[in-house]
Structure formats: C-alpha cells, structure tokens
PDBML (XML) file of the C-alpha atoms, coordinates in Angstrom:
<?xml version="1.0" encoding="UTF-8" ?>
<PDBx:datablock datablockName="MODEL"
   xmlns:PDBx="http://pdbml.pdb.org/schema/pdbx-v50.xsd"
   xmlns:xsi="http://www.w3.org/2001/XMLSchema-instance"
   xsi:schemaLocation="http://pdbml.pdb.org/schema/pdbx-v50.xsd pdbx-v50.xsd">
   <PDBx:atom_siteCategory>
      <PDBx:atom_site id="1">
         <PDBx:B_iso_or_equiv>0.00</PDBx:B_iso_or_equiv>
         <PDBx:Cartn_x>42.838</PDBx:Cartn_x>
         <PDBx:Cartn_y>-67.530</PDBx:Cartn_y>
         <PDBx:Cartn_z>250.472</PDBx:Cartn_z>
         <PDBx:auth_asym_id>A</PDBx:auth_asym_id>
         <PDBx:auth_atom_id>CA</PDBx:auth_atom_id>
         <PDBx:auth_comp_id>UNK</PDBx:auth_comp_id>
         <PDBx:auth_seq_id>1</PDBx:auth_seq_id>
         <PDBx:group_PDB>ATOM</PDBx:group_PDB>
         <PDBx:label_alt_id xsi:nil="true" />
         <PDBx:label_asym_id>A</PDBx:label_asym_id>
         <PDBx:label_atom_id>CA</PDBx:label_atom_id>
         <PDBx:label_comp_id>UNK</PDBx:label_comp_id>
         <PDBx:label_entity_id>1</PDBx:label_entity_id>
         <PDBx:label_seq_id>1</PDBx:label_seq_id>
         <PDBx:occupancy>1.00</PDBx:occupancy>
         <PDBx:pdbx_PDB_model_num>1</PDBx:pdbx_PDB_model_num>
         <PDBx:type_symbol>C</PDBx:type_symbol>
      </PDBx:atom_site>
      <PDBx:atom_site id="2">
         <PDBx:B_iso_or_equiv>0.00</PDBx:B_iso_or_equiv>
         <PDBx:Cartn_x>40.104</PDBx:Cartn_x>
         <PDBx:Cartn_y>-69.756</PDBx:Cartn_y>
         <PDBx:Cartn_z>249.337</PDBx:Cartn_z>
         <PDBx:auth_asym_id>A</PDBx:auth_asym_id>
         <PDBx:auth_atom_id>CA</PDBx:auth_atom_id>
         <PDBx:auth_comp_id>UNK</PDBx:auth_comp_id>
         <PDBx:auth_seq_id>2</PDBx:auth_seq_id>
         <PDBx:group_PDB>ATOM</PDBx:group_PDB>
         <PDBx:label_alt_id xsi:nil="true" />
         <PDBx:label_asym_id>A</PDBx:label_asym_id>
         <PDBx:label_atom_id>CA</PDBx:label_atom_id>
         <PDBx:label_comp_id>UNK</PDBx:label_comp_id>
         <PDBx:label_entity_id>1</PDBx:label_entity_id>
         <PDBx:label_seq_id>2</PDBx:label_seq_id>
         <PDBx:occupancy>1.00</PDBx:occupancy>
         <PDBx:pdbx_PDB_model_num>1</PDBx:pdbx_PDB_model_num>
         <PDBx:type_symbol>C</PDBx:type_symbol>
      </PDBx:atom_site>
      <PDBx:atom_site id="3">
         <PDBx:B_iso_or_equiv>0.00</PDBx:B_iso_or_equiv>
         <PDBx:Cartn_x>42.340</PDBx:Cartn_x>
         <PDBx:Cartn_y>-73.147</PDBx:Cartn_y>
         <PDBx:Cartn_z>248.716</PDBx:Cartn_z>
         <PDBx:auth_asym_id>A</PDBx:auth_asym_id>
         <PDBx:auth_atom_id>CA</PDBx:auth_atom_id>
         <PDBx:auth_comp_id>UNK</PDBx:auth_comp_id>
         <PDBx:auth_seq_id>3</PDBx:auth_seq_id>
         <PDBx:group_PDB>ATOM</PDBx:group_PDB>
         <PDBx:label_alt_id xsi:nil="true" />
         <PDBx:label_asym_id>A</PDBx:label_asym_id>
         <PDBx:label_atom_id>CA</PDBx:label_atom_id>
         <PDBx:label_comp_id>UNK</PDBx:label_comp_id>
         <PDBx:label_entity_id>1</PDBx:label_entity_id>
         <PDBx:label_seq_id>3</PDBx:label_seq_id>
         <PDBx:occupancy>1.00</PDBx:occupancy>
         <PDBx:pdbx_PDB_model_num>1</PDBx:pdbx_PDB_model_num>
         <PDBx:type_symbol>C</PDBx:type_symbol>
      </PDBx:atom_site>
      <PDBx:atom_site id="4">
         <PDBx:B_iso_or_equiv>0.00</PDBx:B_iso_or_equiv>
         <PDBx:Cartn_x>45.201</PDBx:Cartn_x>
         <PDBx:Cartn_y>-71.682</PDBx:Cartn_y>
         <PDBx:Cartn_z>251.585</PDBx:Cartn_z>
         <PDBx:auth_asym_id>A</PDBx:auth_asym_id>
         <PDBx:auth_atom_id>CA</PDBx:auth_atom_id>
         <PDBx:auth_comp_id>UNK</PDBx:auth_comp_id>
         <PDBx:auth_seq_id>4</PDBx:auth_seq_id>
         <PDBx:group_PDB>ATOM</PDBx:group_PDB>
         <PDBx:label_alt_id xsi:nil="true" />
         <PDBx:label_asym_id>A</PDBx:label_asym_id>
         <PDBx:label_atom_id>CA</PDBx:label_atom_id>
         <PDBx:label_comp_id>UNK</PDBx:label_comp_id>
         <PDBx:label_entity_id>1</PDBx:label_entity_id>
         <PDBx:label_seq_id>4</PDBx:label_seq_id>
         <PDBx:occupancy>1.00</PDBx:occupancy>
         <PDBx:pdbx_PDB_model_num>1</PDBx:pdbx_PDB_model_num>
         <PDBx:type_symbol>C</PDBx:type_symbol>
      </PDBx:atom_site>
      <PDBx:atom_site id="5">
         <PDBx:B_iso_or_equiv>0.00</PDBx:B_iso_or_equiv>
         <PDBx:Cartn_x>42.332</PDBx:Cartn_x>
         <PDBx:Cartn_y>-71.793</PDBx:Cartn_y>
         <PDBx:Cartn_z>254.312</PDBx:Cartn_z>
         <PDBx:auth_asym_id>A</PDBx:auth_asym_id>
         <PDBx:auth_atom_id>CA</PDBx:auth_atom_id>
         <PDBx:auth_comp_id>UNK</PDBx:auth_comp_id>
         <PDBx:auth_seq_id>5</PDBx:auth_seq_id>
         <PDBx:group_PDB>ATOM</PDBx:group_PDB>
         <PDBx:label_alt_id xsi:nil="true" />
         <PDBx:label_asym_id>A</PDBx:label_asym_id>
         <PDBx:label_atom_id>CA</PDBx:label_atom_id>
         <PDBx:label_comp_id>UNK</PDBx:label_comp_id>
         <PDBx:label_entity_id>1</PDBx:label_entity_id>
         <PDBx:label_seq_id>5</PDBx:label_seq_id>
         <PDBx:occupancy>1.00</PDBx:occupancy>
         <PDBx:pdbx_PDB_model_num>1</PDBx:pdbx_PDB_model_num>
         <PDBx:type_symbol>C</PDBx:type_symbol>
      </PDBx:atom_site>
      <PDBx:atom_site id="6">
         <PDBx:B_iso_or_equiv>0.00</PDBx:B_iso_or_equiv>
         <PDBx:Cartn_x>41.166</PDBx:Cartn_x>
         <PDBx:Cartn_y>-75.404</PDBx:Cartn_y>
         <PDBx:Cartn_z>253.789</PDBx:Cartn_z>
         <PDBx:auth_asym_id>A</PDBx:auth_asym_id>
         <PDBx:auth_atom_id>CA</PDBx:auth_atom_id>
         <PDBx:auth_comp_id>UNK</PDBx:auth_comp_id>
         <PDBx:auth_seq_id>6</PDBx:auth_seq_id>
         <PDBx:group_PDB>ATOM</PDBx:group_PDB>
         <PDBx:label_alt_id xsi:nil="true" />
         <PDBx:label_asym_id>A</PDBx:label_asym_id>
         <PDBx:label_atom_id>CA</PDBx:label_atom_id>
         <PDBx:label_comp_id>UNK</PDBx:label_comp_id>
         <PDBx:label_entity_id>1</PDBx:label_entity_id>
         <PDBx:label_seq_id>6</PDBx:label_seq_id>
         <PDBx:occupancy>1.00</PDBx:occupancy>
         <PDBx:pdbx_PDB_model_num>1</PDBx:pdbx_PDB_model_num>
         <PDBx:type_symbol>C</PDBx:type_symbol>
      </PDBx:atom_site>
      <PDBx:atom_site id="7">
         <PDBx:B_iso_or_equiv>0.00</PDBx:B_iso_or_equiv>
         <PDBx:Cartn_x>44.085</PDBx:Cartn_x>
         <PDBx:Cartn_y>-76.592</PDBx:Cartn_y>
         <PDBx:Cartn_z>255.293</PDBx:Cartn_z>
         <PDBx:auth_asym_id>A</PDBx:auth_asym_id>
         <PDBx:auth_atom_id>CA</PDBx:auth_atom_id>
         <PDBx:auth_comp_id>UNK</PDBx:auth_comp_id>
         <PDBx:auth_seq_id>7</PDBx:auth_seq_id>
         <PDBx:group_PDB>ATOM</PDBx:group_PDB>
         <PDBx:label_alt_id xsi:nil="true" />
         <PDBx:label_asym_id>A</PDBx:label_asym_id>
         <PDBx:label_atom_id>CA</PDBx:label_atom_id>
         <PDBx:label_comp_id>UNK</PDBx:label_comp_id>
         <PDBx:label_entity_id>1</PDBx:label_entity_id>
         <PDBx:label_seq_id>7</PDBx:label_seq_id>
         <PDBx:occupancy>1.00</PDBx:occupancy>
         <PDBx:pdbx_PDB_model_num>1</PDBx:pdbx_PDB_model_num>
         <PDBx:type_symbol>C</PDBx:type_symbol>
      </PDBx:atom_site>
      <PDBx:atom_site id="8">
         <PDBx:B_iso_or_equiv>0.00</PDBx:B_iso_or_equiv>
         <PDBx:Cartn_x>43.688</PDBx:Cartn_x>
         <PDBx:Cartn_y>-74.470</PDBx:Cartn_y>
         <PDBx:Cartn_z>258.145</PDBx:Cartn_z>
         <PDBx:auth_asym_id>A</PDBx:auth_asym_id>
         <PDBx:auth_atom_id>CA</PDBx:auth_atom_id>
         <PDBx:auth_comp_id>UNK</PDBx:auth_comp_id>
         <PDBx:auth_seq_id>8</PDBx:auth_seq_id>
         <PDBx:group_PDB>ATOM</PDBx:group_PDB>
         <PDBx:label_alt_id xsi:nil="true" />
         <PDBx:label_asym_id>A</PDBx:label_asym_id>
         <PDBx:label_atom_id>CA</PDBx:label_atom_id>
         <PDBx:label_comp_id>UNK</PDBx:label_comp_id>
         <PDBx:label_entity_id>1</PDBx:label_entity_id>
         <PDBx:label_seq_id>8</PDBx:label_seq_id>
         <PDBx:occupancy>1.00</PDBx:occupancy>
         <PDBx:pdbx_PDB_model_num>1</PDBx:pdbx_PDB_model_num>
         <PDBx:type_symbol>C</PDBx:type_symbol>
      </PDBx:atom_site>
      <PDBx:atom_site id="9">
         <PDBx:B_iso_or_equiv>0.00</PDBx:B_iso_or_equiv>
         <PDBx:Cartn_x>42.545</PDBx:Cartn_x>
         <PDBx:Cartn_y>-75.050</PDBx:Cartn_y>
         <PDBx:Cartn_z>261.752</PDBx:Cartn_z>
         <PDBx:auth_asym_id>A</PDBx:auth_asym_id>
         <PDBx:auth_atom_id>CA</PDBx:auth_atom_id>
         <PDBx:auth_comp_id>UNK</PDBx:auth_comp_id>
         <PDBx:auth_seq_id>9</PDBx:auth_seq_id>
         <PDBx:group_PDB>ATOM</PDBx:group_PDB>
         <PDBx:label_alt_id xsi:nil="true" />
         <PDBx:label_asym_id>A</PDBx:label_asym_id>
         <PDBx:label_atom_id>CA</PDBx:label_atom_id>
         <PDBx:label_comp_id>UNK</PDBx:label_comp_id>
         <PDBx:label_entity_id>1</PDBx:label_entity_id>
         <PDBx:label_seq_id>9</PDBx:label_seq_id>
         <PDBx:occupancy>1.00</PDBx:occupancy>
         <PDBx:pdbx_PDB_model_num>1</PDBx:pdbx_PDB_model_num>
         <PDBx:type_symbol>C</PDBx:type_symbol>
      </PDBx:atom_site>
      <PDBx:atom_site id="10">
         <PDBx:B_iso_or_equiv>0.00</PDBx:B_iso_or_equiv>
         <PDBx:Cartn_x>39.642</PDBx:Cartn_x>
         <PDBx:Cartn_y>-72.787</PDBx:Cartn_y>
         <PDBx:Cartn_z>263.273</PDBx:Cartn_z>
         <PDBx:auth_asym_id>A</PDBx:auth_asym_id>
         <PDBx:auth_atom_id>CA</PDBx:auth_atom_id>
         <PDBx:auth_comp_id>UNK</PDBx:auth_comp_id>
         <PDBx:auth_seq_id>10</PDBx:auth_seq_id>
         <PDBx:group_PDB>ATOM</PDBx:group_PDB>
         <PDBx:label_alt_id xsi:nil="true" />
         <PDBx:label_asym_id>A</PDBx:label_asym_id>
         <PDBx:label_atom_id>CA</PDBx:label_atom_id>
         <PDBx:label_comp_id>UNK</PDBx:label_comp_id>
         <PDBx:label_entity_id>1</PDBx:label_entity_id>
         <PDBx:label_seq_id>10</PDBx:label_seq_id>
         <PDBx:occupancy>1.00</PDBx:occupancy>
         <PDBx:pdbx_PDB_model_num>1</PDBx:pdbx_PDB_model_num>
         <PDBx:type_symbol>C</PDBx:type_symbol>
      </PDBx:atom_site>
      <PDBx:atom_site id="11">
         <PDBx:B_iso_or_equiv>0.00</PDBx:B_iso_or_equiv>
         <PDBx:Cartn_x>40.251</PDBx:Cartn_x>
         <PDBx:Cartn_y>-68.986</PDBx:Cartn_y>
         <PDBx:Cartn_z>264.128</PDBx:Cartn_z>
         <PDBx:auth_asym_id>A</PDBx:auth_asym_id>
         <PDBx:auth_atom_id>CA</PDBx:auth_atom_id>
         <PDBx:auth_comp_id>UNK</PDBx:auth_comp_id>
         <PDBx:auth_seq_id>11</PDBx:auth_seq_id>
         <PDBx:group_PDB>ATOM</PDBx:group_PDB>
         <PDBx:label_alt_id xsi:nil="true" />
         <PDBx:label_asym_id>A</PDBx:label_asym_id>
         <PDBx:label_atom_id>CA</PDBx:label_atom_id>
         <PDBx:label_comp_id>UNK</PDBx:label_comp_id>
         <PDBx:label_entity_id>1</PDBx:label_entity_id>
         <PDBx:label_seq_id>11</PDBx:label_seq_id>
         <PDBx:occupancy>1.00</PDBx:occupancy>
         <PDBx:pdbx_PDB_model_num>1</PDBx:pdbx_PDB_model_num>
         <PDBx:type_symbol>C</PDBx:type_symbol>
      </PDBx:atom_site>
      <PDBx:atom_site id="12">
         <PDBx:B_iso_or_equiv>0.00</PDBx:B_iso_or_equiv>
         <PDBx:Cartn_x>38.565</PDBx:Cartn_x>
         <PDBx:Cartn_y>-66.831</PDBx:Cartn_y>
         <PDBx:Cartn_z>266.368</PDBx:Cartn_z>
         <PDBx:auth_asym_id>A</PDBx:auth_asym_id>
         <PDBx:auth_atom_id>CA</PDBx:auth_atom_id>
         <PDBx:auth_comp_id>UNK</PDBx:auth_comp_id>
         <PDBx:auth_seq_id>12</PDBx:auth_seq_id>
         <PDBx:group_PDB>ATOM</PDBx:group_PDB>
         <PDBx:label_alt_id xsi:nil="true" />
         <PDBx:label_asym_id>A</PDBx:label_asym_id>
         <PDBx:label_atom_id>CA</PDBx:label_atom_id>
         <PDBx:label_comp_id>UNK</PDBx:label_comp_id>
         <PDBx:label_entity_id>1</PDBx:label_entity_id>
         <PDBx:label_seq_id>12</PDBx:label_seq_id>
         <PDBx:occupancy>1.00</PDBx:occupancy>
         <PDBx:pdbx_PDB_model_num>1</PDBx:pdbx_PDB_model_num>
         <PDBx:type_symbol>C</PDBx:type_symbol>
      </PDBx:atom_site>
      <PDBx:atom_site id="13">
         <PDBx:B_iso_or_equiv>0.00</PDBx:B_iso_or_equiv>
         <PDBx:Cartn_x>38.519</PDBx:Cartn_x>
         <PDBx:Cartn_y>-63.781</PDBx:Cartn_y>
         <PDBx:Cartn_z>264.841</PDBx:Cartn_z>
         <PDBx:auth_asym_id>A</PDBx:auth_asym_id>
         <PDBx:auth_atom_id>CA</PDBx:auth_atom_id>
         <PDBx:auth_comp_id>UNK</PDBx:auth_comp_id>
         <PDBx:auth_seq_id>13</PDBx:auth_seq_id>
         <PDBx:group_PDB>ATOM</PDBx:group_PDB>
         <PDBx:label_alt_id xsi:nil="true" />
         <PDBx:label_asym_id>A</PDBx:label_asym_id>
         <PDBx:label_atom_id>CA</PDBx:label_atom_id>
         <PDBx:label_comp_id>UNK</PDBx:label_comp_id>
         <PDBx:label_entity_id>1</PDBx:label_entity_id>
         <PDBx:label_seq_id>13</PDBx:label_seq_id>
         <PDBx:occupancy>1.00</PDBx:occupancy>
         <PDBx:pdbx_PDB_model_num>1</PDBx:pdbx_PDB_model_num>
         <PDBx:type_symbol>C</PDBx:type_symbol>
      </PDBx:atom_site>
      <PDBx:atom_site id="14">
         <PDBx:B_iso_or_equiv>0.00</PDBx:B_iso_or_equiv>
         <PDBx:Cartn_x>38.572</PDBx:Cartn_x>
         <PDBx:Cartn_y>-63.675</PDBx:Cartn_y>
         <PDBx:Cartn_z>260.602</PDBx:Cartn_z>
         <PDBx:auth_asym_id>A</PDBx:auth_asym_id>
         <PDBx:auth_atom_id>CA</PDBx:auth_atom_id>
         <PDBx:auth_comp_id>UNK</PDBx:auth_comp_id>
         <PDBx:auth_seq_id>14</PDBx:auth_seq_id>
         <PDBx:group_PDB>ATOM</PDBx:group_PDB>
         <PDBx:label_alt_id xsi:nil="true" />
         <PDBx:label_asym_id>A</PDBx:label_asym_id>
         <PDBx:label_atom_id>CA</PDBx:label_atom_id>
         <PDBx:label_comp_id>UNK</PDBx:label_comp_id>
         <PDBx:label_entity_id>1</PDBx:label_entity_id>
         <PDBx:label_seq_id>14</PDBx:label_seq_id>
         <PDBx:occupancy>1.00</PDBx:occupancy>
         <PDBx:pdbx_PDB_model_num>1</PDBx:pdbx_PDB_model_num>
         <PDBx:type_symbol>C</PDBx:type_symbol>
      </PDBx:atom_site>
      <PDBx:atom_site id="15">
         <PDBx:B_iso_or_equiv>0.00</PDBx:B_iso_or_equiv>
         <PDBx:Cartn_x>39.203</PDBx:Cartn_x>
         <PDBx:Cartn_y>-60.583</PDBx:Cartn_y>
         <PDBx:Cartn_z>258.696</PDBx:Cartn_z>
         <PDBx:auth_asym_id>A</PDBx:auth_asym_id>
         <PDBx:auth_atom_id>CA</PDBx:auth_atom_id>
         <PDBx:auth_comp_id>UNK</PDBx:auth_comp_id>
         <PDBx:auth_seq_id>15</PDBx:auth_seq_id>
         <PDBx:group_PDB>ATOM</PDBx:group_PDB>
         <PDBx:label_alt_id xsi:nil="true" />
         <PDBx:label_asym_id>A</PDBx:label_asym_id>
         <PDBx:label_atom_id>CA</PDBx:label_atom_id>
         <PDBx:label_comp_id>UNK</PDBx:label_comp_id>
         <PDBx:label_entity_id>1</PDBx:label_entity_id>
         <PDBx:label_seq_id>15</PDBx:label_seq_id>
         <PDBx:occupancy>1.00</PDBx:occupancy>
         <PDBx:pdbx_PDB_model_num>1</PDBx:pdbx_PDB_model_num>
         <PDBx:type_symbol>C</PDBx:type_symbol>
      </PDBx:atom_site>
      <PDBx:atom_site id="16">
         <PDBx:B_iso_or_equiv>0.00</PDBx:B_iso_or_equiv>
         <PDBx:Cartn_x>37.975</PDBx:Cartn_x>
         <PDBx:Cartn_y>-60.739</PDBx:Cartn_y>
         <PDBx:Cartn_z>255.135</PDBx:Cartn_z>
         <PDBx:auth_asym_id>A</PDBx:auth_asym_id>
         <PDBx:auth_atom_id>CA</PDBx:auth_atom_id>
         <PDBx:auth_comp_id>UNK</PDBx:auth_comp_id>
         <PDBx:auth_seq_id>16</PDBx:auth_seq_id>
         <PDBx:group_PDB>ATOM</PDBx:group_PDB>
         <PDBx:label_alt_id xsi:nil="true" />
         <PDBx:label_asym_id>A</PDBx:label_asym_id>
         <PDBx:label_atom_id>CA</PDBx:label_atom_id>
         <PDBx:label_comp_id>UNK</PDBx:label_comp_id>
         <PDBx:label_entity_id>1</PDBx:label_entity_id>
         <PDBx:label_seq_id>16</PDBx:label_seq_id>
         <PDBx:occupancy>1.00</PDBx:occupancy>
         <PDBx:pdbx_PDB_model_num>1</PDBx:pdbx_PDB_model_num>
         <PDBx:type_symbol>C</PDBx:type_symbol>
      </PDBx:atom_site>
      <PDBx:atom_site id="17">
         <PDBx:B_iso_or_equiv>0.00</PDBx:B_iso_or_equiv>
         <PDBx:Cartn_x>38.992</PDBx:Cartn_x>
         <PDBx:Cartn_y>-57.902</PDBx:Cartn_y>
         <PDBx:Cartn_z>252.658</PDBx:Cartn_z>
         <PDBx:auth_asym_id>A</PDBx:auth_asym_id>
         <PDBx:auth_atom_id>CA</PDBx:auth_atom_id>
         <PDBx:auth_comp_id>UNK</PDBx:auth_comp_id>
         <PDBx:auth_seq_id>17</PDBx:auth_seq_id>
         <PDBx:group_PDB>ATOM</PDBx:group_PDB>
         <PDBx:label_alt_id xsi:nil="true" />
         <PDBx:label_asym_id>A</PDBx:label_asym_id>
         <PDBx:label_atom_id>CA</PDBx:label_atom_id>
         <PDBx:label_comp_id>UNK</PDBx:label_comp_id>
         <PDBx:label_entity_id>1</PDBx:label_entity_id>
         <PDBx:label_seq_id>17</PDBx:label_seq_id>
         <PDBx:occupancy>1.00</PDBx:occupancy>
         <PDBx:pdbx_PDB_model_num>1</PDBx:pdbx_PDB_model_num>
         <PDBx:type_symbol>C</PDBx:type_symbol>
      </PDBx:atom_site>
      <PDBx:atom_site id="18">
         <PDBx:B_iso_or_equiv>0.00</PDBx:B_iso_or_equiv>
         <PDBx:Cartn_x>39.248</PDBx:Cartn_x>
         <PDBx:Cartn_y>-58.655</PDBx:Cartn_y>
         <PDBx:Cartn_z>249.252</PDBx:Cartn_z>
         <PDBx:auth_asym_id>A</PDBx:auth_asym_id>
         <PDBx:auth_atom_id>CA</PDBx:auth_atom_id>
         <PDBx:auth_comp_id>UNK</PDBx:auth_comp_id>
         <PDBx:auth_seq_id>18</PDBx:auth_seq_id>
         <PDBx:group_PDB>ATOM</PDBx:group_PDB>
         <PDBx:label_alt_id xsi:nil="true" />
         <PDBx:label_asym_id>A</PDBx:label_asym_id>
         <PDBx:label_atom_id>CA</PDBx:label_atom_id>
         <PDBx:label_comp_id>UNK</PDBx:label_comp_id>
         <PDBx:label_entity_id>1</PDBx:label_entity_id>
         <PDBx:label_seq_id>18</PDBx:label_seq_id>
         <PDBx:occupancy>1.00</PDBx:occupancy>
         <PDBx:pdbx_PDB_model_num>1</PDBx:pdbx_PDB_model_num>
         <PDBx:type_symbol>C</PDBx:type_symbol>
      </PDBx:atom_site>
      <PDBx:atom_site id="19">
         <PDBx:B_iso_or_equiv>0.00</PDBx:B_iso_or_equiv>
         <PDBx:Cartn_x>40.047</PDBx:Cartn_x>
         <PDBx:Cartn_y>-56.457</PDBx:Cartn_y>
         <PDBx:Cartn_z>246.486</PDBx:Cartn_z>
         <PDBx:auth_asym_id>A</PDBx:auth_asym_id>
         <PDBx:auth_atom_id>CA</PDBx:auth_atom_id>
         <PDBx:auth_comp_id>UNK</PDBx:auth_comp_id>
         <PDBx:auth_seq_id>19</PDBx:auth_seq_id>
         <PDBx:group_PDB>ATOM</PDBx:group_PDB>
         <PDBx:label_alt_id xsi:nil="true" />
         <PDBx:label_asym_id>A</PDBx:label_asym_id>
         <PDBx:label_atom_id>CA</PDBx:label_atom_id>
         <PDBx:label_comp_id>UNK</PDBx:label_comp_id>
         <PDBx:label_entity_id>1</PDBx:label_entity_id>
         <PDBx:label_seq_id>19</PDBx:label_seq_id>
         <PDBx:occupancy>1.00</PDBx:occupancy>
         <PDBx:pdbx_PDB_model_num>1</PDBx:pdbx_PDB_model_num>
         <PDBx:type_symbol>C</PDBx:type_symbol>
      </PDBx:atom_site>
      <PDBx:atom_site id="20">
         <PDBx:B_iso_or_equiv>0.00</PDBx:B_iso_or_equiv>
         <PDBx:Cartn_x>36.421</PDBx:Cartn_x>
         <PDBx:Cartn_y>-55.023</PDBx:Cartn_y>
         <PDBx:Cartn_z>246.480</PDBx:Cartn_z>
         <PDBx:auth_asym_id>A</PDBx:auth_asym_id>
         <PDBx:auth_atom_id>CA</PDBx:auth_atom_id>
         <PDBx:auth_comp_id>UNK</PDBx:auth_comp_id>
         <PDBx:auth_seq_id>20</PDBx:auth_seq_id>
         <PDBx:group_PDB>ATOM</PDBx:group_PDB>
         <PDBx:label_alt_id xsi:nil="true" />
         <PDBx:label_asym_id>A</PDBx:label_asym_id>
         <PDBx:label_atom_id>CA</PDBx:label_atom_id>
         <PDBx:label_comp_id>UNK</PDBx:label_comp_id>
         <PDBx:label_entity_id>1</PDBx:label_entity_id>
         <PDBx:label_seq_id>20</PDBx:label_seq_id>
         <PDBx:occupancy>1.00</PDBx:occupancy>
         <PDBx:pdbx_PDB_model_num>1</PDBx:pdbx_PDB_model_num>
         <PDBx:type_symbol>C</PDBx:type_symbol>
      </PDBx:atom_site>
      <PDBx:atom_site id="21">
         <PDBx:B_iso_or_equiv>0.00</PDBx:B_iso_or_equiv>
         <PDBx:Cartn_x>35.353</PDBx:Cartn_x>
         <PDBx:Cartn_y>-56.105</PDBx:Cartn_y>
         <PDBx:Cartn_z>243.003</PDBx:Cartn_z>
         <PDBx:auth_asym_id>A</PDBx:auth_asym_id>
         <PDBx:auth_atom_id>CA</PDBx:auth_atom_id>
         <PDBx:auth_comp_id>UNK</PDBx:auth_comp_id>
         <PDBx:auth_seq_id>21</PDBx:auth_seq_id>
         <PDBx:group_PDB>ATOM</PDBx:group_PDB>
         <PDBx:label_alt_id xsi:nil="true" />
         <PDBx:label_asym_id>A</PDBx:label_asym_id>
         <PDBx:label_atom_id>CA</PDBx:label_atom_id>
         <PDBx:label_comp_id>UNK</PDBx:label_comp_id>
         <PDBx:label_entity_id>1</PDBx:label_entity_id>
         <PDBx:label_seq_id>21</PDBx:label_seq_id>
         <PDBx:occupancy>1.00</PDBx:occupancy>
         <PDBx:pdbx_PDB_model_num>1</PDBx:pdbx_PDB_model_num>
         <PDBx:type_symbol>C</PDBx:type_symbol>
      </PDBx:atom_site>
      <PDBx:atom_site id="22">
         <PDBx:B_iso_or_equiv>0.00</PDBx:B_iso_or_equiv>
         <PDBx:Cartn_x>37.123</PDBx:Cartn_x>
         <PDBx:Cartn_y>-59.299</PDBx:Cartn_y>
         <PDBx:Cartn_z>242.969</PDBx:Cartn_z>
         <PDBx:auth_asym_id>A</PDBx:auth_asym_id>
         <PDBx:auth_atom_id>CA</PDBx:auth_atom_id>
         <PDBx:auth_comp_id>UNK</PDBx:auth_comp_id>
         <PDBx:auth_seq_id>22</PDBx:auth_seq_id>
         <PDBx:group_PDB>ATOM</PDBx:group_PDB>
         <PDBx:label_alt_id xsi:nil="true" />
         <PDBx:label_asym_id>A</PDBx:label_asym_id>
         <PDBx:label_atom_id>CA</PDBx:label_atom_id>
         <PDBx:label_comp_id>UNK</PDBx:label_comp_id>
         <PDBx:label_entity_id>1</PDBx:label_entity_id>
         <PDBx:label_seq_id>22</PDBx:label_seq_id>
         <PDBx:occupancy>1.00</PDBx:occupancy>
         <PDBx:pdbx_PDB_model_num>1</PDBx:pdbx_PDB_model_num>
         <PDBx:type_symbol>C</PDBx:type_symbol>
      </PDBx:atom_site>
      <PDBx:atom_site id="23">
         <PDBx:B_iso_or_equiv>0.00</PDBx:B_iso_or_equiv>
         <PDBx:Cartn_x>33.761</PDBx:Cartn_x>
         <PDBx:Cartn_y>-60.913</PDBx:Cartn_y>
         <PDBx:Cartn_z>243.032</PDBx:Cartn_z>
         <PDBx:auth_asym_id>A</PDBx:auth_asym_id>
         <PDBx:auth_atom_id>CA</PDBx:auth_atom_id>
         <PDBx:auth_comp_id>UNK</PDBx:auth_comp_id>
         <PDBx:auth_seq_id>23</PDBx:auth_seq_id>
         <PDBx:group_PDB>ATOM</PDBx:group_PDB>
         <PDBx:label_alt_id xsi:nil="true" />
         <PDBx:label_asym_id>A</PDBx:label_asym_id>
         <PDBx:label_atom_id>CA</PDBx:label_atom_id>
         <PDBx:label_comp_id>UNK</PDBx:label_comp_id>
         <PDBx:label_entity_id>1</PDBx:label_entity_id>
         <PDBx:label_seq_id>23</PDBx:label_seq_id>
         <PDBx:occupancy>1.00</PDBx:occupancy>
         <PDBx:pdbx_PDB_model_num>1</PDBx:pdbx_PDB_model_num>
         <PDBx:type_symbol>C</PDBx:type_symbol>
      </PDBx:atom_site>
      <PDBx:atom_site id="24">
         <PDBx:B_iso_or_equiv>0.00</PDBx:B_iso_or_equiv>
         <PDBx:Cartn_x>34.889</PDBx:Cartn_x>
         <PDBx:Cartn_y>-63.268</PDBx:Cartn_y>
         <PDBx:Cartn_z>246.158</PDBx:Cartn_z>
         <PDBx:auth_asym_id>A</PDBx:auth_asym_id>
         <PDBx:auth_atom_id>CA</PDBx:auth_atom_id>
         <PDBx:auth_comp_id>UNK</PDBx:auth_comp_id>
         <PDBx:auth_seq_id>24</PDBx:auth_seq_id>
         <PDBx:group_PDB>ATOM</PDBx:group_PDB>
         <PDBx:label_alt_id xsi:nil="true" />
         <PDBx:label_asym_id>A</PDBx:label_asym_id>
         <PDBx:label_atom_id>CA</PDBx:label_atom_id>
         <PDBx:label_comp_id>UNK</PDBx:label_comp_id>
         <PDBx:label_entity_id>1</PDBx:label_entity_id>
         <PDBx:label_seq_id>24</PDBx:label_seq_id>
         <PDBx:occupancy>1.00</PDBx:occupancy>
         <PDBx:pdbx_PDB_model_num>1</PDBx:pdbx_PDB_model_num>
         <PDBx:type_symbol>C</PDBx:type_symbol>
      </PDBx:atom_site>
      <PDBx:atom_site id="25">
         <PDBx:B_iso_or_equiv>0.00</PDBx:B_iso_or_equiv>
         <PDBx:Cartn_x>32.917</PDBx:Cartn_x>
         <PDBx:Cartn_y>-62.338</PDBx:Cartn_y>
         <PDBx:Cartn_z>248.838</PDBx:Cartn_z>
         <PDBx:auth_asym_id>A</PDBx:auth_asym_id>
         <PDBx:auth_atom_id>CA</PDBx:auth_atom_id>
         <PDBx:auth_comp_id>UNK</PDBx:auth_comp_id>
         <PDBx:auth_seq_id>25</PDBx:auth_seq_id>
         <PDBx:group_PDB>ATOM</PDBx:group_PDB>
         <PDBx:label_alt_id xsi:nil="true" />
         <PDBx:label_asym_id>A</PDBx:label_asym_id>
         <PDBx:label_atom_id>CA</PDBx:label_atom_id>
         <PDBx:label_comp_id>UNK</PDBx:label_comp_id>
         <PDBx:label_entity_id>1</PDBx:label_entity_id>
         <PDBx:label_seq_id>25</PDBx:label_seq_id>
         <PDBx:occupancy>1.00</PDBx:occupancy>
         <PDBx:pdbx_PDB_model_num>1</PDBx:pdbx_PDB_model_num>
         <PDBx:type_symbol>C</PDBx:type_symbol>
      </PDBx:atom_site>
   </PDBx:atom_siteCategory>
</PDBx:datablock>
C-alpha cells in the first residue's frame, strides 16, 4: 500500500486498517 498509493489520484475517503502491530500507522 505504501508504494501503490504514491501512484494514485486523490480520494475523498481513505480507510486505513493494517495489521494492528505492524508499525505502519
């Protein structure tokens, strides 16, 4: 996600729910 998002156009709503203890918040 961190790499793919860099190539995306803007969004109105972004939902972030990674593995809880992944350290990527």
